[in-house]
Protein backbone atom coordinates (compact mmCIF):
# COMPACT_ATOMS: atom_id res chain seq x y z
CA UNK A 1 106.67 92.19 69.48
CA UNK A 2 104.59 95.07 70.79
CA UNK A 3 104.60 96.00 74.47
CA UNK A 4 101.56 97.84 75.80
CA UNK A 5 101.68 99.97 78.95
CA UNK A 6 98.45 101.21 80.47
CA UNK A 7 97.71 103.39 83.50
CA UNK A 8 96.03 101.35 86.22
CA UNK A 9 94.23 102.56 89.33
CA UNK A 10 97.34 102.09 91.51
CA UNK A 11 100.13 102.14 88.91
CA UNK A 12 100.80 100.66 85.49
CA UNK A 13 100.16 97.41 83.67
CA UNK A 14 102.58 96.20 81.01
CA UNK A 15 101.56 93.47 78.58
CA UNK A 16 102.91 91.71 75.52
CA UNK A 17 100.27 92.34 72.86
CA UNK A 18 98.39 89.24 71.90
CA UNK A 19 99.56 87.26 74.93
CA UNK A 20 96.89 87.36 77.63
CA UNK A 21 99.07 85.75 80.31
CA UNK A 22 102.15 87.91 79.73
CA UNK A 23 101.07 90.79 81.96
CA UNK A 24 102.72 92.53 84.89
CA UNK A 25 101.99 95.38 87.31
CA UNK A 26 104.26 98.07 88.72
CA UNK A 27 103.84 101.34 90.58
CA UNK A 28 105.86 103.01 87.80
CA UNK A 29 106.19 102.26 84.09
CA UNK A 30 109.75 101.05 84.70
CA UNK A 31 108.66 98.69 87.48
CA UNK A 32 105.89 97.31 85.27
CA UNK A 33 108.35 96.66 82.43
CA UNK A 34 110.90 95.06 84.77
CA UNK A 35 108.19 92.80 86.17
CA UNK A 36 107.03 91.97 82.65
CA UNK A 37 110.56 90.96 81.74
CA UNK A 38 110.52 88.44 84.59
CA UNK A 39 107.10 87.13 83.61
CA UNK A 40 108.16 86.65 79.98
CA UNK A 41 111.35 84.87 81.03
CA UNK A 42 109.40 82.59 83.38
CA UNK A 43 106.70 81.78 80.86
CA UNK A 44 109.10 81.11 78.03
CA UNK A 45 111.22 78.86 80.22
CA UNK A 46 108.11 77.00 81.27
CA UNK A 47 107.07 76.45 77.67
CA UNK A 48 110.52 75.13 76.84
CA UNK A 49 110.38 72.73 79.77
CA UNK A 50 106.92 71.57 78.74
CA UNK A 51 108.14 70.89 75.19
CA UNK A 52 111.10 68.92 76.54
CA UNK A 53 108.85 66.81 78.76
CA UNK A 54 106.36 66.25 75.91
CA UNK A 55 109.23 65.16 73.67
CA UNK A 56 110.42 62.68 76.30
CA UNK A 57 106.89 61.31 76.77
CA UNK A 58 106.54 60.87 73.00
CA UNK A 59 109.87 59.02 72.88
CA UNK A 60 108.71 56.72 75.69
CA UNK A 61 105.42 56.03 73.90
CA UNK A 62 107.25 55.16 70.68
CA UNK A 63 109.64 52.93 72.61
CA UNK A 64 106.71 51.09 74.18
CA UNK A 65 105.01 50.65 70.80
CA UNK A 66 108.26 49.22 69.35
CA UNK A 67 108.31 46.60 72.14
CA UNK A 68 104.80 45.34 71.24
């Protein structure tokens, strides 16, 4: 996984290459990377939660179909 750091007008932007929404800003490179770490953790947790909910919805749909 490649991490890109670019100079911004007011600081730095850090981004996970190929992931448009995994971007963070900091006044220093370190701050940008620390912020990016939090963004990645949040986004990955969210995706996991979404998968869990989708799985539960699918189970409910199958259960309903079995009752028909």
